[in-house]
Protein backbone atom coordinates (compact mmCIF):
# COMPACT_ATOMS: atom_id res chain seq x y z
CA MET A 1 119.09 94.03 109.21
CA ILE A 2 120.04 90.73 109.21
CA ASN A 3 117.86 90.17 112.38
CA MET A 4 114.66 91.90 110.40
CA ILE A 5 115.50 89.09 108.09
CA GLN A 6 116.04 86.03 110.63
CA TYR A 7 112.89 87.57 111.60
CA LEU A 8 110.49 87.22 107.80
CA GLU A 9 111.75 84.51 107.53
CA GLN A 10 110.64 83.09 110.77
CA ASN A 11 106.79 84.47 110.29
CA PRO A 12 106.69 84.44 106.53
CA ALA A 13 102.38 85.05 106.97
CA LEU A 14 104.42 88.96 107.79
CA VAL A 15 106.02 88.76 104.18
CA THR A 16 102.17 88.37 102.75
CA LEU A 17 101.05 91.64 104.24
CA LEU A 18 104.86 93.72 103.55
CA LYS A 19 103.83 92.94 99.90
CA GLU A 20 99.90 93.62 99.98
CA LYS A 21 101.05 97.43 101.41
CA LYS A 22 99.26 96.41 104.95
CA ALA A 23 102.49 96.09 106.77
CA SER A 24 105.75 97.86 107.05
CA LEU A 25 108.94 97.47 107.91
CA ILE A 26 109.66 101.08 110.06
CA GLY A 27 112.75 102.06 110.58
CA LEU A 28 113.81 101.25 107.15
CA THR A 29 113.99 103.10 104.46
CA ALA A 30 111.62 102.31 101.40
CA LEU A 31 115.00 100.96 99.23
CA GLU A 32 116.25 98.78 102.43
CA GLN A 33 112.83 97.16 102.29
CA LYS A 34 112.39 96.84 98.40
CA ALA A 35 115.53 95.10 99.43
CA ILE A 36 113.95 92.75 101.80
CA LEU A 37 110.89 92.47 99.79
CA ASP A 38 113.11 90.91 96.60
CA SER A 39 115.08 88.84 98.27
CA PHE A 40 112.26 87.43 98.95
CA ASN A 41 110.39 87.12 96.36
CA GLU A 42 113.55 85.65 94.44
CA ASP A 43 113.30 81.51 94.10
CA LEU A 44 116.46 80.92 95.11
CA GLY A 45 116.27 77.02 96.96
CA VAL A 46 119.30 76.24 99.55
CA ASP A 47 120.65 73.66 96.91
CA ASN A 48 120.59 76.85 94.50
CA ARG A 49 123.38 79.63 96.06
CA LEU A 50 126.29 80.09 96.08
CA TRP A 51 128.47 79.08 99.00
CA ASN A 52 127.05 75.15 99.23
């Protein structure tokens, strides 16, 4: 799943298509897809992450 998230970070247009339900992530459950999309909906910058 980490590889998928990295790919989506490099291809933000695909995230838009996923949000518009014009694309899907084959091989992931609905819950996993929701978790990934929710993580892209959050406005957390690198400076706001706990591990910095």
